[in-house]
Protein backbone atom coordinates (compact mmCIF):
# COMPACT_ATOMS: atom_id res chain seq x y z
CA UNK A 1 -24.34 -90.83 90.31
CA UNK A 2 -23.74 -93.90 92.37
CA UNK A 3 -25.54 -97.61 92.26
CA UNK A 4 -26.58 -99.94 93.92
CA UNK A 5 -22.75 -101.02 94.99
CA UNK A 6 -21.98 -97.57 95.04
CA UNK A 7 -19.71 -97.34 92.40
CA UNK A 8 -20.28 -95.08 90.03
CA UNK A 9 -22.27 -94.86 86.66
CA UNK A 10 -20.85 -92.60 84.88
CA UNK A 11 -22.90 -91.92 81.56
CA UNK A 12 -21.69 -90.00 78.14
CA UNK A 13 -20.96 -86.43 78.30
CA UNK A 14 -22.06 -86.80 82.37
CA UNK A 15 -19.93 -83.93 84.36
CA UNK A 16 -18.31 -85.68 87.50
CA UNK A 17 -17.82 -85.05 90.74
CA UNK A 18 -13.96 -82.96 90.58
CA UNK A 19 -13.37 -84.62 94.29
CA UNK A 20 -14.90 -88.32 93.25
CA UNK A 21 -12.21 -90.71 93.54
CA UNK A 22 -12.32 -93.80 91.62
CA UNK A 23 -11.08 -97.78 91.74
CA UNK A 24 -9.37 -99.65 88.92
CA UNK A 25 -12.21 -101.20 88.35
CA UNK A 26 -14.87 -98.31 87.87
CA UNK A 27 -12.11 -96.25 85.63
CA UNK A 28 -12.13 -99.62 83.77
CA UNK A 29 -15.87 -100.18 83.61
CA UNK A 30 -16.62 -96.77 82.87
CA UNK A 31 -13.96 -96.81 79.28
CA UNK A 32 -15.79 -99.92 79.02
CA UNK A 33 -12.36 -101.96 79.23
CA UNK A 34 -10.62 -104.24 80.92
CA UNK A 35 -8.83 -103.75 83.81
CA UNK A 36 -5.58 -104.48 82.35
CA UNK A 37 -5.83 -102.08 79.38
CA UNK A 38 -5.77 -99.51 82.81
CA UNK A 39 -3.01 -100.98 84.31
CA UNK A 40 -0.64 -101.57 81.27
CA UNK A 41 -1.53 -97.64 80.89
CA UNK A 42 -0.53 -96.87 84.06
CA UNK A 43 2.73 -98.55 84.20
CA UNK A 44 3.60 -96.97 80.96
CA UNK A 45 3.30 -93.80 82.46
CA UNK A 46 0.32 -92.54 80.28
CA UNK A 47 -2.88 -92.27 82.99
CA UNK A 48 -2.47 -91.05 87.07
CA UNK A 49 -2.94 -92.04 90.04
CA UNK A 50 -3.31 -92.14 93.49
CA UNK A 51 -2.15 -95.16 96.08
CA UNK A 52 -4.29 -95.61 99.14
CA UNK A 53 -4.86 -98.04 100.86
CA UNK A 54 -3.00 -100.81 98.70
CA UNK A 55 -5.13 -99.64 96.07
CA UNK A 56 -5.32 -97.49 92.96
CA UNK A 57 -7.40 -94.24 93.23
CA UNK A 58 -8.24 -92.23 89.34
CA UNK A 59 -9.18 -88.24 90.19
CA UNK A 60 -12.10 -87.53 87.42
CA UNK A 61 -9.59 -86.04 85.42
CA UNK A 62 -8.11 -89.09 84.40
CA UNK A 63 -11.73 -90.79 83.91
CA UNK A 64 -11.61 -87.94 80.88
CA UNK A 65 -8.02 -88.74 79.75
CA UNK A 66 -8.59 -92.67 79.70
CA UNK A 67 -11.71 -92.57 78.07
CA UNK A 68 -10.24 -90.05 75.17
CA UNK A 69 -7.26 -92.91 75.52
CA UNK A 70 -9.50 -95.45 74.82
CA UNK A 71 -11.78 -93.77 72.47
CA UNK A 72 -8.21 -93.06 70.42
CA UNK A 73 -6.98 -96.12 70.55
CA UNK A 74 -10.23 -97.39 69.26
CA UNK A 75 -11.31 -95.02 66.81
CA UNK A 76 -7.71 -94.76 65.23
CA UNK A 77 -6.07 -98.05 65.97
CA UNK A 78 -3.59 -95.82 67.73
CA UNK A 79 -0.76 -97.76 70.01
CA UNK A 80 -1.08 -95.65 73.36
CA UNK A 81 1.68 -94.02 73.43
CA UNK A 82 0.77 -92.15 70.29
CA UNK A 83 -3.17 -91.86 71.74
CA UNK A 84 -1.47 -89.91 75.23
CA UNK A 85 -0.07 -88.34 72.65
CA UNK A 86 -2.68 -87.02 71.01
CA UNK A 87 -4.82 -87.05 74.36
CA UNK A 88 -1.60 -84.02 75.92
CA UNK A 89 -2.47 -81.64 72.52
CA UNK A 90 -6.43 -81.64 72.71
CA UNK A 91 -5.71 -81.02 76.52
CA UNK A 92 -3.35 -78.12 75.83
CA UNK A 93 -5.40 -76.51 73.08
CA UNK A 94 -8.31 -76.37 75.30
CA UNK A 95 -6.22 -74.92 77.87
CA UNK A 96 -5.53 -72.54 75.80
CA UNK A 97 -8.64 -71.59 74.50
CA UNK A 98 -9.61 -71.43 77.94
CA UNK A 99 -6.84 -68.82 78.59
CA UNK A 100 -7.71 -67.22 75.71
CA UNK A 101 -11.24 -66.89 76.71
CA UNK A 102 -10.54 -65.38 80.40
CA UNK A 103 -8.04 -63.14 78.48
CA UNK A 104 -10.89 -61.72 75.79
CA UNK A 105 -13.21 -61.23 79.21
CA UNK A 106 -10.50 -60.06 81.20
CA UNK A 107 -10.11 -56.77 78.50
CA UNK A 108 -13.26 -56.41 76.73
CA UNK A 109 -11.63 -57.48 73.51
CA UNK A 110 -13.26 -60.35 71.98
CA UNK A 111 -12.89 -62.48 68.95
CA UNK A 112 -11.75 -60.41 65.75
CA UNK A 113 -14.67 -60.62 62.67
CA UNK A 114 -13.97 -62.34 60.50
């Protein structure tokens, strides 16, 4: 979704285009944080970005991660590194669950009845 100013207008729960790239200002606005918040996490290595033409560009996966970091920091008053570690674990559990579903689908074995 794009606004009249040609910047993304992302709503909670909205699917993002995997090919879309967001500016630092876009990412800050989507996460409801100041651009300095994004810069600090970028410099600390907690967020990933590409530099195109002297400007940072963020993939949609980074938008999801940044929103998660901001939410963890706000909700639990977590420091940025702890929020990033928690986000790493959440992402790893999601990947493992996805792999398990693919494995179950490929073998025809679903979850054991409990």
